[in-house]
């Protein structure tokens, strides 16, 4: 299991993370901030099972987030 969290105060809603990992991240149209897709819901933080490819994509999103709003731990 992998823990992912997005600091909603820091998130710019730039959508960069969902470009890197579209199966994991999505912009919430309610507040225009990125969220994590989990069980047909959008959440700020979660434990999630990711494939090795998704882990690589999320790591790339973490590295490229302009405000370092995404945290990942395994």
C-alpha atoms as a PDB file:
ATOM      1  CA  UNK A   1       0.000   0.000   0.000  1.00  0.00           C
ATOM      2  CA  UNK A   2       1.122   3.509  -0.792  1.00  0.00           C
ATOM      3  CA  UNK A   3       0.093   6.639   1.086  1.00  0.00           C
ATOM      4  CA  UNK A   4      -0.501   9.726  -1.038  1.00  0.00           C
ATOM      5  CA  UNK A   5      -1.600  13.108   0.232  1.00  0.00           C
ATOM      6  CA  UNK A   6      -2.131  16.488  -1.382  1.00  0.00           C
ATOM      7  CA  UNK A   7      -1.912  19.676   0.661  1.00  0.00           C
ATOM      8  CA  UNK A   8      -5.010  21.488  -0.566  1.00  0.00           C
ATOM      9  CA  UNK A   9      -3.805  24.860   0.720  1.00  0.00           C
ATOM     10  CA  UNK A  10      -0.640  24.631  -1.385  1.00  0.00           C
ATOM     11  CA  UNK A  11      -2.146  23.010  -4.495  1.00  0.00           C
ATOM     12  CA  UNK A  12      -2.429  25.382  -7.439  1.00  0.00           C
ATOM     13  CA  UNK A  13      -4.781  23.135  -9.400  1.00  0.00           C
ATOM     14  CA  UNK A  14      -2.348  23.261 -12.318  1.00  0.00           C
ATOM     15  CA  UNK A  15      -3.321  19.702 -13.336  1.00  0.00           C
ATOM     16  CA  UNK A  16       0.311  18.676 -13.814  1.00  0.00           C
ATOM     17  CA  UNK A  17      -0.056  15.664 -11.511  1.00  0.00           C
ATOM     18  CA  UNK A  18      -3.000  14.310 -13.476  1.00  0.00           C
ATOM     19  CA  UNK A  19      -0.954  14.655 -16.655  1.00  0.00           C
ATOM     20  CA  UNK A  20       1.722  12.410 -15.121  1.00  0.00           C
ATOM     21  CA  UNK A  21      -0.665   9.981 -13.394  1.00  0.00           C
ATOM     22  CA  UNK A  22      -4.170  10.294 -14.878  1.00  0.00           C
ATOM     23  CA  UNK A  23      -5.393   7.089 -13.213  1.00  0.00           C
ATOM     24  CA  UNK A  24      -4.475   8.476  -9.785  1.00  0.00           C
ATOM     25  CA  UNK A  25      -5.101  12.250  -9.849  1.00  0.00           C
ATOM     26  CA  UNK A  26      -7.948  14.459 -11.047  1.00  0.00           C
ATOM     27  CA  UNK A  27      -8.880  18.121 -10.645  1.00  0.00           C
ATOM     28  CA  UNK A  28     -11.902  18.550  -8.373  1.00  0.00           C
ATOM     29  CA  UNK A  29     -14.235  20.881 -10.255  1.00  0.00           C
ATOM     30  CA  UNK A  30     -15.712  22.089  -6.932  1.00  0.00           C
ATOM     31  CA  UNK A  31     -12.521  23.830  -5.765  1.00  0.00           C
ATOM     32  CA  UNK A  32     -10.220  23.434  -8.801  1.00  0.00           C
ATOM     33  CA  UNK A  33      -7.587  21.617  -6.737  1.00  0.00           C
ATOM     34  CA  UNK A  34      -6.094  18.231  -7.538  1.00  0.00           C
ATOM     35  CA  UNK A  35      -7.349  15.235  -5.620  1.00  0.00           C
ATOM     36  CA  UNK A  36      -6.647  11.513  -5.507  1.00  0.00           C
ATOM     37  CA  UNK A  37      -9.094   9.112  -7.148  1.00  0.00           C
ATOM     38  CA  UNK A  38     -10.221   6.458  -4.662  1.00  0.00           C
ATOM     39  CA  UNK A  39     -13.301   4.226  -5.007  1.00  0.00           C
ATOM     40  CA  UNK A  40     -15.152   6.634  -7.328  1.00  0.00           C
ATOM     41  CA  UNK A  41     -14.468   9.529  -4.939  1.00  0.00           C
ATOM     42  CA  UNK A  42     -11.909  12.323  -4.875  1.00  0.00           C
ATOM     43  CA  UNK A  43      -9.916  12.565  -1.645  1.00  0.00           C
ATOM     44  CA  UNK A  44      -7.014  14.621  -0.234  1.00  0.00           C
ATOM     45  CA  UNK A  45      -5.168  11.706   1.366  1.00  0.00           C
ATOM     46  CA  UNK A  46      -5.421   7.927   1.164  1.00  0.00           C
ATOM     47  CA  UNK A  47      -3.740   4.560   1.290  1.00  0.00           C
ATOM     48  CA  UNK A  48      -3.959   3.064  -2.173  1.00  0.00           C
ATOM     49  CA  UNK A  49      -2.734   0.025  -4.072  1.00  0.00           C
ATOM     50  CA  UNK A  50      -0.719   1.152  -7.077  1.00  0.00           C
ATOM     51  CA  UNK A  51       0.879  -0.830  -9.860  1.00  0.00           C
ATOM     52  CA  UNK A  52       4.648  -0.404 -10.293  1.00  0.00           C
ATOM     53  CA  UNK A  53       3.958   1.805 -13.327  1.00  0.00           C
ATOM     54  CA  UNK A  54       1.548   3.986 -11.337  1.00  0.00           C
ATOM     55  CA  UNK A  55       4.141   4.356  -8.565  1.00  0.00           C
ATOM     56  CA  UNK A  56       6.619   5.656 -11.167  1.00  0.00           C
ATOM     57  CA  UNK A  57       4.000   8.074 -12.509  1.00  0.00           C
ATOM     58  CA  UNK A  58       3.143   9.372  -9.031  1.00  0.00           C
ATOM     59  CA  UNK A  59       6.841   9.780  -8.194  1.00  0.00           C
ATOM     60  CA  UNK A  60       7.212  11.859 -11.365  1.00  0.00           C
ATOM     61  CA  UNK A  61       4.205  13.968 -10.345  1.00  0.00           C
ATOM     62  CA  UNK A  62       5.735  14.511  -6.886  1.00  0.00           C
ATOM     63  CA  UNK A  63       9.063  15.610  -8.415  1.00  0.00           C
ATOM     64  CA  UNK A  64       7.390  18.012 -10.821  1.00  0.00           C
ATOM     65  CA  UNK A  65       4.712  19.568  -8.610  1.00  0.00           C
ATOM     66  CA  UNK A  66       5.580  23.293  -8.715  1.00  0.00           C
ATOM     67  CA  UNK A  67       4.649  23.795  -5.038  1.00  0.00           C
ATOM     68  CA  UNK A  68       5.542  20.335  -3.665  1.00  0.00           C
ATOM     69  CA  UNK A  69       1.935  19.802  -2.541  1.00  0.00           C
ATOM     70  CA  UNK A  70       2.018  16.021  -3.107  1.00  0.00           C
ATOM     71  CA  UNK A  71       3.499  13.664  -0.524  1.00  0.00           C
ATOM     72  CA  UNK A  72       4.169   9.987  -1.166  1.00  0.00           C
ATOM     73  CA  UNK A  73       5.252   7.271   1.248  1.00  0.00           C
ATOM     74  CA  UNK A  74       5.430   3.533   0.824  1.00  0.00           C
END
